[in-house]
Amino acid sequence: MAYKPHKEKKIEDEIKQFIKEHGGLCYKIHGGDLYQETGIPDLLCCWGGLFFGIEVKDPGGKPSAIQLAQGIRIKKAKGHFIIATSVKDLKDYIYEKGLWGELLCEEQDRQT
């Protein structure tokens, strides 16, 4: 299993908690397994009937080429792929995509 900086783990936990609090499911994927495809996003989530692949990075962190390629595959399958450095990144994404009303009830939840 690849080493995850403490801050990245904290961000993952915050995103999982936020999605769970709003009725979604979120599963953590641990990389490094011989039988698992490379580049799968850190979090695989089902929320409001939609699929989300969320690659979590420390602020300033960059996804690898294979992670971006997996993101393209997810988008081609009509799923959502997000690179997030915070819960705010996720909130901004769902707001920009017009999913806010589907996934969250209150505008005040968008505040960080």
Protein backbone atom coordinates (compact mmCIF):
# COMPACT_ATOMS: atom_id res chain seq x y z
CA MET A 1 0.00 0.00 0.00
CA ALA A 2 1.30 3.44 -0.93
CA TYR A 3 2.11 5.89 1.85
CA LYS A 4 -0.55 8.58 2.31
CA PRO A 5 0.55 11.84 3.92
CA HIS A 6 -1.41 12.61 7.08
CA LYS A 7 -3.15 15.63 5.51
CA GLU A 8 -4.35 13.60 2.51
CA LYS A 9 -5.87 10.99 4.83
CA LYS A 10 -7.64 13.74 6.77
CA ILE A 11 -9.06 15.17 3.53
CA GLU A 12 -10.29 11.70 2.49
CA ASP A 13 -12.02 11.26 5.86
CA GLU A 14 -13.68 14.68 5.63
CA ILE A 15 -14.97 13.99 2.10
CA LYS A 16 -16.29 10.54 3.09
CA GLN A 17 -18.04 12.04 6.13
CA PHE A 18 -19.60 14.84 4.08
CA ILE A 19 -20.99 12.43 1.48
CA LYS A 20 -22.25 10.05 4.17
CA GLU A 21 -23.98 12.89 6.04
CA HIS A 22 -25.84 13.72 2.82
CA GLY A 23 -27.07 10.20 2.09
CA GLY A 24 -24.26 8.83 -0.08
CA LEU A 25 -21.96 5.83 0.11
CA CYS A 26 -18.22 6.14 -0.19
CA TYR A 27 -15.57 3.43 -0.32
CA LYS A 28 -11.84 3.91 0.13
CA ILE A 29 -9.69 2.13 -2.43
CA HIS A 30 -6.22 1.05 -1.34
CA GLY A 31 -3.74 0.90 -4.20
CA GLY A 32 -0.82 -1.39 -4.66
CA ASP A 33 -2.63 -4.71 -5.03
CA LEU A 34 -1.39 -6.98 -7.82
CA TYR A 35 -4.98 -7.76 -8.81
CA GLN A 36 -6.25 -4.18 -8.93
CA GLU A 37 -6.02 -1.83 -11.88
CA THR A 38 -3.58 1.01 -11.45
CA GLY A 39 -4.82 4.58 -11.07
CA ILE A 40 -8.27 3.90 -9.63
CA PRO A 41 -9.42 6.98 -7.65
CA ASP A 42 -8.95 6.98 -3.88
CA LEU A 43 -12.69 7.15 -3.21
CA LEU A 44 -15.48 5.43 -5.14
CA CYS A 45 -18.85 6.87 -4.21
CA CYS A 46 -22.52 6.46 -5.04
CA TRP A 47 -24.51 9.56 -4.18
CA GLY A 48 -27.97 10.49 -5.37
CA GLY A 49 -27.82 7.66 -7.89
CA LEU A 50 -24.63 9.07 -9.42
CA PHE A 51 -21.14 7.57 -9.53
CA PHE A 52 -18.19 9.63 -8.31
CA GLY A 53 -14.51 8.74 -8.55
CA ILE A 54 -12.61 11.12 -6.28
CA GLU A 55 -8.84 11.37 -6.41
CA VAL A 56 -7.67 13.06 -3.20
CA LYS A 57 -4.49 15.11 -3.21
CA ASP A 58 -2.70 17.33 -0.76
CA PRO A 59 -2.94 20.99 -1.83
CA GLY A 60 -0.44 21.41 -4.65
CA GLY A 61 -0.39 17.66 -5.36
CA LYS A 62 -0.79 16.47 -8.93
CA PRO A 63 -2.46 13.30 -10.20
CA SER A 64 -0.38 10.86 -12.23
CA ALA A 65 -0.99 10.23 -15.91
CA ILE A 66 -2.65 6.87 -15.15
CA GLN A 67 -4.95 8.51 -12.58
CA LEU A 68 -6.00 11.06 -15.19
CA ALA A 69 -6.54 8.26 -17.72
CA GLN A 70 -8.84 6.48 -15.27
CA GLY A 71 -10.69 9.77 -14.81
CA ILE A 72 -11.28 9.95 -18.56
CA ARG A 73 -12.64 6.39 -18.53
CA ILE A 74 -15.03 7.29 -15.70
CA LYS A 75 -16.26 10.38 -17.56
CA LYS A 76 -16.76 8.38 -20.78
CA ALA A 77 -18.97 6.01 -18.77
CA LYS A 78 -21.03 9.07 -17.66
CA GLY A 79 -19.61 9.09 -14.14
CA HIS A 80 -18.09 12.03 -12.31
CA PHE A 81 -14.34 12.30 -11.73
CA ILE A 82 -12.97 14.87 -9.31
CA ILE A 83 -9.51 15.75 -8.10
CA ALA A 84 -10.11 17.16 -4.62
CA THR A 85 -7.82 18.83 -2.13
CA SER A 86 -10.71 19.63 0.23
CA VAL A 87 -14.43 19.16 0.81
CA LYS A 88 -14.81 22.62 -0.73
CA ASP A 89 -13.50 21.27 -4.06
CA LEU A 90 -16.26 18.64 -4.01
CA LYS A 91 -18.91 21.22 -3.08
CA ASP A 92 -17.74 23.56 -5.84
CA TYR A 93 -17.84 20.72 -8.38
CA ILE A 94 -21.40 19.66 -7.58
CA TYR A 95 -22.52 23.29 -7.60
CA GLU A 96 -20.86 23.99 -10.97
CA LYS A 97 -22.38 20.83 -12.48
CA GLY A 98 -25.87 21.82 -11.34
CA LEU A 99 -26.13 18.83 -8.97
CA TRP A 100 -26.57 20.88 -5.81
CA GLY A 101 -30.35 20.46 -5.59
CA GLU A 102 -30.13 16.73 -6.31
CA LEU A 103 -27.48 16.00 -3.72
CA LEU A 104 -27.94 18.65 -1.03
CA CYS A 105 -30.99 20.42 0.30
CA GLU A 106 -29.64 23.61 1.77
CA GLU A 107 -27.60 26.33 0.08
CA GLN A 108 -25.89 27.03 3.43
CA ASP A 109 -24.17 23.60 3.18
CA ARG A 110 -21.98 25.05 0.43
CA GLN A 111 -20.21 27.23 2.94
CA THR A 112 -16.88 25.89 4.10
